[in-house]
Amino acid sequence: MLKILRITRSMNPAQGGVVEAINQAALSFNNEKHQMDVLCLDNPNAEWVVGNSNYKVHALGEGKTAYGFHFSYLLWLWKKSKDYDVVIIDGLWQFLVVGGYILRVLGVPY
């Protein structure tokens, strides 16, 4: 089974584009051959996190500043990214892209 991790700043449906793209990808990817999870910087108690049954959402809590700095995000990637075959990072101009350096060190394709 191919395990995919999508990383995005927020899964709030009000955000539109990226959120909807992830939702649509989950419809295709979550089957007997693929599994897609999402890592985001939302509050773990947010209604769109708690109410989601289409895929697993790892919500780490809100990042700091408009850039989304979140030290626990880097720790989470260091510990858990090896559980995935490939990682897709959405948010080129945000702190999330720093996680790419960790993925490179660990040899996880992104």
PDB file of N, CA and C in Angstrom:
ATOM      1  N   MET A   1       0.849  -1.185   0.000  1.00  0.00           N
ATOM      2  CA  MET A   1       0.000   0.000   0.000  1.00  0.00           C
ATOM      3  C   MET A   1       0.890   1.243   0.000  1.00  0.00           C
ATOM      4  N   LEU A   2       0.603   2.170  -0.900  1.00  0.00           N
ATOM      5  CA  LEU A   2       1.323   3.439  -0.974  1.00  0.00           C
ATOM      6  C   LEU A   2       0.721   4.402   0.038  1.00  0.00           C
ATOM      7  N   LYS A   3       1.558   4.893   0.958  1.00  0.00           N
ATOM      8  CA  LYS A   3       1.088   5.829   1.980  1.00  0.00           C
ATOM      9  C   LYS A   3       1.553   7.236   1.624  1.00  0.00           C
ATOM     10  N   ILE A   4       0.591   8.152   1.537  1.00  0.00           N
ATOM     11  CA  ILE A   4       0.837   9.527   1.120  1.00  0.00           C
ATOM     12  C   ILE A   4       0.491  10.466   2.268  1.00  0.00           C
ATOM     13  N   LEU A   5       1.332  11.458   2.498  1.00  0.00           N
ATOM     14  CA  LEU A   5       1.051  12.505   3.486  1.00  0.00           C
ATOM     15  C   LEU A   5       0.949  13.832   2.757  1.00  0.00           C
ATOM     16  N   ARG A   6      -0.168  14.525   2.930  1.00  0.00           N
ATOM     17  CA  ARG A   6      -0.334  15.884   2.417  1.00  0.00           C
ATOM     18  C   ARG A   6      -0.161  16.828   3.581  1.00  0.00           C
ATOM     19  N   ILE A   7       0.617  17.877   3.404  1.00  0.00           N
ATOM     20  CA  ILE A   7       0.847  18.880   4.442  1.00  0.00           C
ATOM     21  C   ILE A   7       0.310  20.210   3.953  1.00  0.00           C
ATOM     22  N   THR A   8      -0.528  20.837   4.785  1.00  0.00           N
ATOM     23  CA  THR A   8      -1.094  22.142   4.440  1.00  0.00           C
ATOM     24  C   THR A   8      -1.278  22.957   5.712  1.00  0.00           C
ATOM     25  N   ARG A   9      -1.343  24.236   5.572  1.00  0.00           N
ATOM     26  CA  ARG A   9      -1.500  25.123   6.728  1.00  0.00           C
ATOM     27  C   ARG A   9      -2.814  24.890   7.449  1.00  0.00           C
ATOM     28  N   SER A  10      -3.903  24.757   6.688  1.00  0.00           N
ATOM     29  CA  SER A  10      -5.220  24.599   7.307  1.00  0.00           C
ATOM     30  C   SER A  10      -6.127  23.773   6.408  1.00  0.00           C
ATOM     31  N   MET A  11      -7.008  23.030   7.036  1.00  0.00           N
ATOM     32  CA  MET A  11      -8.032  22.278   6.314  1.00  0.00           C
ATOM     33  C   MET A  11      -9.395  22.948   6.454  1.00  0.00           C
ATOM     34  N   ASN A  12      -9.413  24.186   6.874  1.00  0.00           N
ATOM     35  CA  ASN A  12     -10.657  24.937   7.002  1.00  0.00           C
ATOM     36  C   ASN A  12     -11.304  25.071   5.616  1.00  0.00           C
ATOM     37  N   PRO A  13     -12.524  24.567   5.447  1.00  0.00           N
ATOM     38  CA  PRO A  13     -13.176  24.636   4.136  1.00  0.00           C
ATOM     39  C   PRO A  13     -13.317  26.053   3.591  1.00  0.00           C
ATOM     40  N   ALA A  14     -13.311  27.046   4.462  1.00  0.00           N
ATOM     41  CA  ALA A  14     -13.406  28.436   4.010  1.00  0.00           C
ATOM     42  C   ALA A  14     -12.168  28.850   3.221  1.00  0.00           C
ATOM     43  N   GLN A  15     -11.077  28.108   3.343  1.00  0.00           N
ATOM     44  CA  GLN A  15      -9.839  28.414   2.617  1.00  0.00           C
ATOM     45  C   GLN A  15      -9.960  28.118   1.124  1.00  0.00           C
ATOM     46  N   GLY A  16     -10.877  27.214   0.769  1.00  0.00           N
ATOM     47  CA  GLY A  16     -11.135  26.947  -0.643  1.00  0.00           C
ATOM     48  C   GLY A  16     -10.141  26.038  -1.327  1.00  0.00           C
ATOM     49  N   GLY A  17      -9.494  26.518  -2.380  1.00  0.00           N
ATOM     50  CA  GLY A  17      -8.653  25.794  -3.329  1.00  0.00           C
ATOM     51  C   GLY A  17      -7.889  24.570  -2.868  1.00  0.00           C
ATOM     52  N   VAL A  18      -6.862  24.758  -2.067  1.00  0.00           N
ATOM     53  CA  VAL A  18      -6.023  23.646  -1.635  1.00  0.00           C
ATOM     54  C   VAL A  18      -6.828  22.646  -0.823  1.00  0.00           C
ATOM     55  N   VAL A  19      -7.686  23.129   0.039  1.00  0.00           N
ATOM     56  CA  VAL A  19      -8.513  22.246   0.863  1.00  0.00           C
ATOM     57  C   VAL A  19      -9.388  21.364  -0.023  1.00  0.00           C
ATOM     58  N   GLU A  20     -10.016  21.953  -1.008  1.00  0.00           N
ATOM     59  CA  GLU A  20     -10.869  21.174  -1.908  1.00  0.00           C
ATOM     60  C   GLU A  20     -10.042  20.196  -2.735  1.00  0.00           C
ATOM     61  N   ALA A  21      -8.854  20.602  -3.168  1.00  0.00           N
ATOM     62  CA  ALA A  21      -7.978  19.694  -3.920  1.00  0.00           C
ATOM     63  C   ALA A  21      -7.605  18.484  -3.065  1.00  0.00           C
ATOM     64  N   ILE A  22      -7.311  18.703  -1.794  1.00  0.00           N
ATOM     65  CA  ILE A  22      -6.978  17.604  -0.889  1.00  0.00           C
ATOM     66  C   ILE A  22      -8.189  16.704  -0.688  1.00  0.00           C
ATOM     67  N   ASN A  23      -9.357  17.297  -0.506  1.00  0.00           N
ATOM     68  CA  ASN A  23     -10.573  16.496  -0.346  1.00  0.00           C
ATOM     69  C   ASN A  23     -10.837  15.626  -1.576  1.00  0.00           C
ATOM     70  N   GLN A  24     -10.666  16.189  -2.754  1.00  0.00           N
ATOM     71  CA  GLN A  24     -10.889  15.433  -3.982  1.00  0.00           C
ATOM     72  C   GLN A  24      -9.833  14.337  -4.159  1.00  0.00           C
ATOM     73  N   ALA A  25      -8.581  14.641  -3.812  1.00  0.00           N
ATOM     74  CA  ALA A  25      -7.524  13.631  -3.893  1.00  0.00           C
ATOM     75  C   ALA A  25      -7.820  12.467  -2.957  1.00  0.00           C
ATOM     76  N   ALA A  26      -8.357  12.758  -1.785  1.00  0.00           N
ATOM     77  CA  ALA A  26      -8.687  11.699  -0.817  1.00  0.00           C
ATOM     78  C   ALA A  26      -9.711  10.735  -1.392  1.00  0.00           C
ATOM     79  N   LEU A  27     -10.639  11.238  -2.197  1.00  0.00           N
ATOM     80  CA  LEU A  27     -11.638  10.365  -2.822  1.00  0.00           C
ATOM     81  C   LEU A  27     -10.980   9.351  -3.757  1.00  0.00           C
ATOM     82  N   SER A  28      -9.903   9.764  -4.419  1.00  0.00           N
ATOM     83  CA  SER A  28      -9.198   8.874  -5.339  1.00  0.00           C
ATOM     84  C   SER A  28      -8.150   8.007  -4.643  1.00  0.00           C
ATOM     85  N   PHE A  29      -7.453   8.594  -3.694  1.00  0.00           N
ATOM     86  CA  PHE A  29      -6.304   7.906  -3.098  1.00  0.00           C
ATOM     87  C   PHE A  29      -6.646   6.926  -1.989  1.00  0.00           C
ATOM     88  N   ASN A  30      -7.710   7.129  -1.274  1.00  0.00           N
ATOM     89  CA  ASN A  30      -7.988   6.248  -0.152  1.00  0.00           C
ATOM     90  C   ASN A  30      -8.788   5.039  -0.616  1.00  0.00           C
ATOM     91  N   ASN A  31      -8.049   3.956  -0.848  1.00  0.00           N
ATOM     92  CA  ASN A  31      -8.630   2.696  -1.282  1.00  0.00           C
ATOM     93  C   ASN A  31      -7.697   1.570  -0.851  1.00  0.00           C
ATOM     94  N   GLU A  32      -7.858   0.393  -1.412  1.00  0.00           N
ATOM     95  CA  GLU A  32      -7.031  -0.740  -0.993  1.00  0.00           C
ATOM     96  C   GLU A  32      -5.572  -0.623  -1.452  1.00  0.00           C
ATOM     97  N   LYS A  33      -5.276   0.283  -2.393  1.00  0.00           N
ATOM     98  CA  LYS A  33      -3.912   0.445  -2.894  1.00  0.00           C
ATOM     99  C   LYS A  33      -3.196   1.676  -2.343  1.00  0.00           C
ATOM    100  N   HIS A  34      -3.950   2.657  -1.866  1.00  0.00           N
ATOM    101  CA  HIS A  34      -3.376   3.923  -1.411  1.00  0.00           C
ATOM    102  C   HIS A  34      -4.020   4.370  -0.108  1.00  0.00           C
ATOM    103  N   GLN A  35      -3.241   5.090   0.690  1.00  0.00           N
ATOM    104  CA  GLN A  35      -3.797   5.729   1.886  1.00  0.00           C
ATOM    105  C   GLN A  35      -3.209   7.132   1.967  1.00  0.00           C
ATOM    106  N   MET A  36      -4.089   8.130   2.103  1.00  0.00           N
ATOM    107  CA  MET A  36      -3.631   9.510   2.206  1.00  0.00           C
ATOM    108  C   MET A  36      -4.051  10.082   3.552  1.00  0.00           C
ATOM    109  N   ASP A  37      -3.083  10.635   4.283  1.00  0.00           N
ATOM    110  CA  ASP A  37      -3.324  11.353   5.527  1.00  0.00           C
ATOM    111  C   ASP A  37      -2.982  12.815   5.300  1.00  0.00           C
ATOM    112  N   VAL A  38      -3.454  13.675   6.205  1.00  0.00           N
ATOM    113  CA  VAL A  38      -3.174  15.111   6.119  1.00  0.00           C
ATOM    114  C   VAL A  38      -2.564  15.581   7.430  1.00  0.00           C
ATOM    115  N   LEU A  39      -1.538  16.405   7.328  1.00  0.00           N
ATOM    116  CA  LEU A  39      -0.927  17.079   8.469  1.00  0.00           C
ATOM    117  C   LEU A  39      -1.190  18.568   8.298  1.00  0.00           C
ATOM    118  N   CYS A  40      -1.750  19.208   9.319  1.00  0.00           N
ATOM    119  CA  CYS A  40      -2.068  20.630   9.204  1.00  0.00           C
ATOM    120  C   CYS A  40      -1.829  21.344  10.535  1.00  0.00           C
ATOM    121  N   LEU A  41      -1.896  22.654  10.482  1.00  0.00           N
ATOM    122  CA  LEU A  41      -1.691  23.487  11.658  1.00  0.00           C
ATOM    123  C   LEU A  41      -3.014  24.049  12.162  1.00  0.00           C
ATOM    124  N   ASP A  42      -4.027  23.215  12.168  1.00  0.00           N
ATOM    125  CA  ASP A  42      -5.326  23.594  12.712  1.00  0.00           C
ATOM    126  C   ASP A  42      -5.430  23.167  14.170  1.00  0.00           C
ATOM    127  N   ASN A  43      -6.384  23.763  14.851  1.00  0.00           N
ATOM    128  CA  ASN A  43      -6.715  23.328  16.197  1.00  0.00           C
ATOM    129  C   ASN A  43      -7.264  21.905  16.099  1.00  0.00           C
ATOM    130  N   PRO A  44      -6.760  20.959  16.903  1.00  0.00           N
ATOM    131  CA  PRO A  44      -7.246  19.577  16.825  1.00  0.00           C
ATOM    132  C   PRO A  44      -8.741  19.435  17.109  1.00  0.00           C
ATOM    133  N   ASN A  45      -9.350  20.445  17.758  1.00  0.00           N
ATOM    134  CA  ASN A  45     -10.773  20.399  18.069  1.00  0.00           C
ATOM    135  C   ASN A  45     -11.638  21.130  17.044  1.00  0.00           C
ATOM    136  N   ALA A  46     -11.021  21.641  15.982  1.00  0.00           N
ATOM    137  CA  ALA A  46     -11.786  22.360  14.957  1.00  0.00           C
ATOM    138  C   ALA A  46     -12.806  21.414  14.328  1.00  0.00           C
ATOM    139  N   GLU A  47     -13.978  21.926  14.005  1.00  0.00           N
ATOM    140  CA  GLU A  47     -15.060  21.087  13.485  1.00  0.00           C
ATOM    141  C   GLU A  47     -14.675  20.367  12.202  1.00  0.00           C
ATOM    142  N   TRP A  48     -13.869  20.983  11.339  1.00  0.00           N
ATOM    143  CA  TRP A  48     -13.481  20.342  10.079  1.00  0.00           C
ATOM    144  C   TRP A  48     -12.419  19.266  10.298  1.00  0.00           C
ATOM    145  N   VAL A  49     -11.779  19.261  11.467  1.00  0.00           N
ATOM    146  CA  VAL A  49     -10.843  18.181  11.813  1.00  0.00           C
ATOM    147  C   VAL A  49     -11.608  17.032  12.465  1.00  0.00           C
ATOM    148  N   VAL A  50     -12.389  17.361  13.470  1.00  0.00           N
ATOM    149  CA  VAL A  50     -13.142  16.348  14.222  1.00  0.00           C
ATOM    150  C   VAL A  50     -14.184  15.670  13.341  1.00  0.00           C
ATOM    151  N   GLY A  51     -14.828  16.430  12.467  1.00  0.00           N
ATOM    152  CA  GLY A  51     -15.911  15.900  11.646  1.00  0.00           C
ATOM    153  C   GLY A  51     -15.468  15.186  10.384  1.00  0.00           C
ATOM    154  N   ASN A  52     -14.174  15.128  10.130  1.00  0.00           N
ATOM    155  CA  ASN A  52     -13.671  14.515   8.905  1.00  0.00           C
ATOM    156  C   ASN A  52     -13.591  13.001   9.065  1.00  0.00           C
ATOM    157  N   SER A  53     -14.248  12.282   8.165  1.00  0.00           N
ATOM    158  CA  SER A  53     -14.186  10.824   8.209  1.00  0.00           C
ATOM    159  C   SER A  53     -13.606  10.239   6.919  1.00  0.00           C
ATOM    160  N   ASN A  54     -13.198  11.095   5.983  1.00  0.00           N
ATOM    161  CA  ASN A  54     -12.673  10.622   4.702  1.00  0.00           C
ATOM    162  C   ASN A  54     -11.203  10.227   4.746  1.00  0.00           C
ATOM    163  N   TYR A  55     -10.454  10.798   5.674  1.00  0.00           N
ATOM    164  CA  TYR A  55      -9.029  10.518   5.810  1.00  0.00           C
ATOM    165  C   TYR A  55      -8.576  10.981   7.182  1.00  0.00           C
ATOM    166  N   LYS A  56      -7.416  10.519   7.609  1.00  0.00           N
ATOM    167  CA  LYS A  56      -6.893  10.890   8.920  1.00  0.00           C
ATOM    168  C   LYS A  56      -6.236  12.264   8.838  1.00  0.00           C
ATOM    169  N   VAL A  57      -6.593  13.120   9.803  1.00  0.00           N
ATOM    170  CA  VAL A  57      -6.011  14.459   9.878  1.00  0.00           C
ATOM    171  C   VAL A  57      -5.204  14.563  11.167  1.00  0.00           C
ATOM    172  N   HIS A  58      -3.926  14.912  11.021  1.00  0.00           N
ATOM    173  CA  HIS A  58      -3.053  15.167  12.161  1.00  0.00           C
ATOM    174  C   HIS A  58      -2.996  16.689  12.328  1.00  0.00           C
ATOM    175  N   ALA A  59      -3.755  17.222  13.256  1.00  0.00           N
ATOM    176  CA  ALA A  59      -3.813  18.667  13.484  1.00  0.00           C
ATOM    177  C   ALA A  59      -2.919  19.005  14.672  1.00  0.00           C
ATOM    178  N   LEU A  60      -1.914  19.834  14.439  1.00  0.00           N
ATOM    179  CA  LEU A  60      -0.909  20.124  15.458  1.00  0.00           C
ATOM    180  C   LEU A  60      -1.174  21.381  16.269  1.00  0.00           C
ATOM    181  N   GLY A  61      -2.192  22.140  15.922  1.00  0.00           N
ATOM    182  CA  GLY A  61      -2.423  23.427  16.573  1.00  0.00           C
ATOM    183  C   GLY A  61      -1.893  24.542  15.705  1.00  0.00           C
ATOM    184  N   GLU A  62      -2.336  25.736  15.983  1.00  0.00           N
ATOM    185  CA  GLU A  62      -2.017  26.871  15.127  1.00  0.00           C
ATOM    186  C   GLU A  62      -0.554  27.284  15.217  1.00  0.00           C
ATOM    187  N   GLY A  63      -0.015  27.670  14.052  1.00  0.00           N
ATOM    188  CA  GLY A  63       1.345  28.170  13.986  1.00  0.00           C
ATOM    189  C   GLY A  63       1.413  29.624  14.412  1.00  0.00           C
ATOM    190  N   LYS A  64       2.618  30.090  14.658  1.00  0.00           N
ATOM    191  CA  LYS A  64       2.845  31.482  15.058  1.00  0.00           C
ATOM    192  C   LYS A  64       3.180  32.329  13.838  1.00  0.00           C
ATOM    193  N   THR A  65       2.750  33.534  13.852  1.00  0.00           N
ATOM    194  CA  THR A  65       2.957  34.540  12.809  1.00  0.00           C
ATOM    195  C   THR A  65       2.239  34.147  11.515  1.00  0.00           C
ATOM    196  N   ALA A  66       2.221  35.048  10.579  1.00  0.00           N
ATOM    197  CA  ALA A  66       1.578  34.804   9.286  1.00  0.00           C
ATOM    198  C   ALA A  66       2.333  33.726   8.499  1.00  0.00           C
ATOM    199  N   TYR A  67       3.591  33.520   8.824  1.00  0.00           N
ATOM    200  CA  TYR A  67       4.434  32.526   8.162  1.00  0.00           C
ATOM    201  C   TYR A  67       4.116  31.115   8.650  1.00  0.00           C
ATOM    202  N   GLY A  68       3.503  30.978   9.823  1.00  0.00           N
ATOM    203  CA  GLY A  68       3.092  29.683  10.351  1.00  0.00           C
ATOM    204  C   GLY A  68       4.177  28.903  11.066  1.00  0.00           C
ATOM    205  N   PHE A  69       5.098  29.611  11.733  1.00  0.00           N
ATOM    206  CA  PHE A  69       6.160  28.908  12.456  1.00  0.00           C
ATOM    207  C   PHE A  69       5.556  27.971  13.501  1.00  0.00           C
ATOM    208  N   HIS A  70       6.034  26.732  13.507  1.00  0.00           N
ATOM    209  CA  HIS A  70       5.521  25.729  14.449  1.00  0.00           C
ATOM    210  C   HIS A  70       6.624  24.693  14.680  1.00  0.00           C
ATOM    211  N   PHE A  71       7.327  24.805  15.797  1.00  0.00           N
ATOM    212  CA  PHE A  71       8.441  23.911  16.086  1.00  0.00           C
ATOM    213  C   PHE A  71       7.984  22.455  16.175  1.00  0.00           C
ATOM    214  N   SER A  72       6.801  22.201  16.738  1.00  0.00           N
ATOM    215  CA  SER A  72       6.301  20.827  16.871  1.00  0.00           C
ATOM    216  C   SER A  72       6.074  20.173  15.508  1.00  0.00           C
ATOM    217  N   TYR A  73       5.823  20.971  14.499  1.00  0.00           N
ATOM    218  CA  TYR A  73       5.680  20.450  13.134  1.00  0.00           C
ATOM    219  C   TYR A  73       6.956  19.741  12.701  1.00  0.00           C
ATOM    220  N   LEU A  74       8.093  20.380  12.961  1.00  0.00           N
ATOM    221  CA  LEU A  74       9.373  19.784  12.584  1.00  0.00           C
ATOM    222  C   LEU A  74       9.637  18.508  13.370  1.00  0.00           C
ATOM    223  N   LEU A  75       9.315  18.522  14.653  1.00  0.00           N
ATOM    224  CA  LEU A  75       9.480  17.313  15.464  1.00  0.00           C
ATOM    225  C   LEU A  75       8.583  16.181  14.963  1.00  0.00           C
ATOM    226  N   TRP A  76       7.348  16.510  14.621  1.00  0.00           N
ATOM    227  CA  TRP A  76       6.417  15.506  14.122  1.00  0.00           C
ATOM    228  C   TRP A  76       6.972  14.874  12.847  1.00  0.00           C
ATOM    229  N   LEU A  77       7.452  15.704  11.927  1.00  0.00           N
ATOM    230  CA  LEU A  77       8.020  15.176  10.687  1.00  0.00           C
ATOM    231  C   LEU A  77       9.221  14.275  10.961  1.00  0.00           C
ATOM    232  N   TRP A  78      10.078  14.699  11.880  1.00  0.00           N
ATOM    233  CA  TRP A  78      11.266  13.906  12.200  1.00  0.00           C
ATOM    234  C   TRP A  78      10.872  12.513  12.706  1.00  0.00           C
ATOM    235  N   LYS A  79       9.825  12.463  13.513  1.00  0.00           N
ATOM    236  CA  LYS A  79       9.405  11.195  14.120  1.00  0.00           C
ATOM    237  C   LYS A  79       8.529  10.342  13.198  1.00  0.00           C
ATOM    238  N   LYS A  80       7.667  10.961  12.406  1.00  0.00           N
ATOM    239  CA  LYS A  80       6.610  10.225  11.702  1.00  0.00           C
ATOM    240  C   LYS A  80       6.738  10.143  10.179  1.00  0.00           C
ATOM    241  N   SER A  81       7.567  10.970   9.569  1.00  0.00           N
ATOM    242  CA  SER A  81       7.568  11.014   8.103  1.00  0.00           C
ATOM    243  C   SER A  81       8.032   9.710   7.468  1.00  0.00           C
ATOM    244  N   LYS A  82       8.818   8.919   8.161  1.00  0.00           N
ATOM    245  CA  LYS A  82       9.274   7.635   7.616  1.00  0.00           C
ATOM    246  C   LYS A  82       8.125   6.639   7.473  1.00  0.00           C
ATOM    247  N   ASP A  83       6.974   6.942   8.076  1.00  0.00           N
ATOM    248  CA  ASP A  83       5.796   6.079   7.947  1.00  0.00           C
ATOM    249  C   ASP A  83       5.119   6.245   6.588  1.00  0.00           C
ATOM    250  N   TYR A  84       5.589   7.213   5.787  1.00  0.00           N
ATOM    251  CA  TYR A  84       4.961   7.528   4.504  1.00  0.00           C
ATOM    252  C   TYR A  84       5.930   7.283   3.355  1.00  0.00           C
ATOM    253  N   ASP A  85       5.376   6.908   2.210  1.00  0.00           N
ATOM    254  CA  ASP A  85       6.191   6.669   1.023  1.00  0.00           C
ATOM    255  C   ASP A  85       6.495   7.952   0.270  1.00  0.00           C
ATOM    256  N   VAL A  86       5.594   8.917   0.361  1.00  0.00           N
ATOM    257  CA  VAL A  86       5.774  10.199  -0.311  1.00  0.00           C
ATOM    258  C   VAL A  86       5.022  11.277   0.467  1.00  0.00           C
ATOM    259  N   VAL A  87       5.560  12.499   0.419  1.00  0.00           N
ATOM    260  CA  VAL A  87       4.955  13.636   1.124  1.00  0.00           C
ATOM    261  C   VAL A  87       4.743  14.758   0.120  1.00  0.00           C
ATOM    262  N   ILE A  88       3.570  15.373   0.180  1.00  0.00           N
ATOM    263  CA  ILE A  88       3.257  16.526  -0.669  1.00  0.00           C
ATOM    264  C   ILE A  88       3.054  17.722   0.248  1.00  0.00           C
ATOM    265  N   ILE A  89       3.855  18.777   0.054  1.00  0.00           N
ATOM    266  CA  ILE A  89       3.760  19.980   0.870  1.00  0.00           C
ATOM    267  C   ILE A  89       3.046  21.063   0.069  1.00  0.00           C
ATOM    268  N   ASP A  90       1.898  21.503   0.572  1.00  0.00           N
ATOM    269  CA  ASP A  90       1.160  22.613  -0.035  1.00  0.00           C
ATOM    270  C   ASP A  90       1.436  23.862   0.782  1.00  0.00           C
ATOM    271  N   GLY A  91       1.920  24.905   0.166  1.00  0.00           N
ATOM    272  CA  GLY A  91       2.200  26.145   0.887  1.00  0.00           C
ATOM    273  C   GLY A  91       3.645  26.564   0.714  1.00  0.00           C
ATOM    274  N   LEU A  92       4.020  26.839  -0.510  1.00  0.00           N
ATOM    275  CA  LEU A  92       5.408  27.149  -0.851  1.00  0.00           C
ATOM    276  C   LEU A  92       5.976  28.323  -0.061  1.00  0.00           C
ATOM    277  N   TRP A  93       5.177  29.326   0.225  1.00  0.00           N
ATOM    278  CA  TRP A  93       5.693  30.530   0.873  1.00  0.00           C
ATOM    279  C   TRP A  93       5.391  30.551   2.362  1.00  0.00           C
ATOM    280  N   GLN A  94       5.323  29.383   2.974  1.00  0.00           N
ATOM    281  CA  GLN A  94       5.044  29.273   4.403  1.00  0.00           C
ATOM    282  C   GLN A  94       6.121  28.430   5.083  1.00  0.00           C
ATOM    283  N   PHE A  95       6.106  28.432   6.394  1.00  0.00           N
ATOM    284  CA  PHE A  95       7.079  27.682   7.181  1.00  0.00           C
ATOM    285  C   PHE A  95       7.057  26.191   6.852  1.00  0.00           C
ATOM    286  N   LEU A  96       5.931  25.688   6.380  1.00  0.00           N
ATOM    287  CA  LEU A  96       5.805  24.259   6.090  1.00  0.00           C
ATOM    288  C   LEU A  96       6.888  23.752   5.155  1.00  0.00           C
ATOM    289  N   VAL A  97       7.348  24.599   4.252  1.00  0.00           N
ATOM    290  CA  VAL A  97       8.352  24.176   3.281  1.00  0.00           C
ATOM    291  C   VAL A  97       9.684  23.831   3.953  1.00  0.00           C
ATOM    292  N   VAL A  98       9.935  24.361   5.143  1.00  0.00           N
ATOM    293  CA  VAL A  98      11.155  24.034   5.884  1.00  0.00           C
ATOM    294  C   VAL A  98      11.202  22.535   6.185  1.00  0.00           C
ATOM    295  N   GLY A  99      10.024  21.917   6.312  1.00  0.00           N
ATOM    296  CA  GLY A  99       9.962  20.476   6.537  1.00  0.00           C
ATOM    297  C   GLY A  99      10.611  19.683   5.420  1.00  0.00           C
ATOM    298  N   GLY A 100      10.715  20.252   4.240  1.00  0.00           N
ATOM    299  CA  GLY A 100      11.384  19.589   3.125  1.00  0.00           C
ATOM    300  C   GLY A 100      12.831  19.244   3.439  1.00  0.00           C
ATOM    301  N   TYR A 101      13.497  20.079   4.234  1.00  0.00           N
ATOM    302  CA  TYR A 101      14.884  19.790   4.610  1.00  0.00           C
ATOM    303  C   TYR A 101      14.969  18.539   5.479  1.00  0.00           C
ATOM    304  N   ILE A 102      14.018  18.389   6.371  1.00  0.00           N
ATOM    305  CA  ILE A 102      13.978  17.186   7.210  1.00  0.00           C
ATOM    306  C   ILE A 102      13.690  15.961   6.344  1.00  0.00           C
ATOM    307  N   LEU A 103      12.741  16.100   5.435  1.00  0.00           N
ATOM    308  CA  LEU A 103      12.406  14.985   4.555  1.00  0.00           C
ATOM    309  C   LEU A 103      13.608  14.578   3.709  1.00  0.00           C
ATOM    310  N   ARG A 104      14.355  15.549   3.242  1.00  0.00           N
ATOM    311  CA  ARG A 104      15.555  15.248   2.443  1.00  0.00           C
ATOM    312  C   ARG A 104      16.579  14.496   3.273  1.00  0.00           C
ATOM    313  N   VAL A 105      16.824  14.948   4.489  1.00  0.00           N
ATOM    314  CA  VAL A 105      17.784  14.281   5.379  1.00  0.00           C
ATOM    315  C   VAL A 105      17.374  12.834   5.641  1.00  0.00           C
ATOM    316  N   LEU A 106      16.068  12.623   5.835  1.00  0.00           N
ATOM    317  CA  LEU A 106      15.563  11.282   6.134  1.00  0.00           C
ATOM    318  C   LEU A 106      15.364  10.419   4.893  1.00  0.00           C
ATOM    319  N   GLY A 107      15.494  11.017   3.717  1.00  0.00           N
ATOM    320  CA  GLY A 107      15.341  10.256   2.475  1.00  0.00           C
ATOM    321  C   GLY A 107      13.908   9.956   2.105  1.00  0.00           C
ATOM    322  N   VAL A 108      12.981  10.780   2.578  1.00  0.00           N
ATOM    323  CA  VAL A 108      11.561  10.600   2.246  1.00  0.00           C
ATOM    324  C   VAL A 108      11.243  11.469   1.023  1.00  0.00           C
ATOM    325  N   PRO A 109      10.781  10.872  -0.087  1.00  0.00           N
ATOM    326  CA  PRO A 109      10.461  11.667  -1.260  1.00  0.00           C
ATOM    327  C   PRO A 109       9.364  12.686  -0.981  1.00  0.00           C
ATOM    328  N   TYR A 110       9.553  13.899  -1.507  1.00  0.00           N
ATOM    329  CA  TYR A 110       8.554  14.954  -1.333  1.00  0.00           C
ATOM    330  C   TYR A 110       8.467  15.775  -2.575  1.00  0.00           C
TER     331      TYR A 110
END
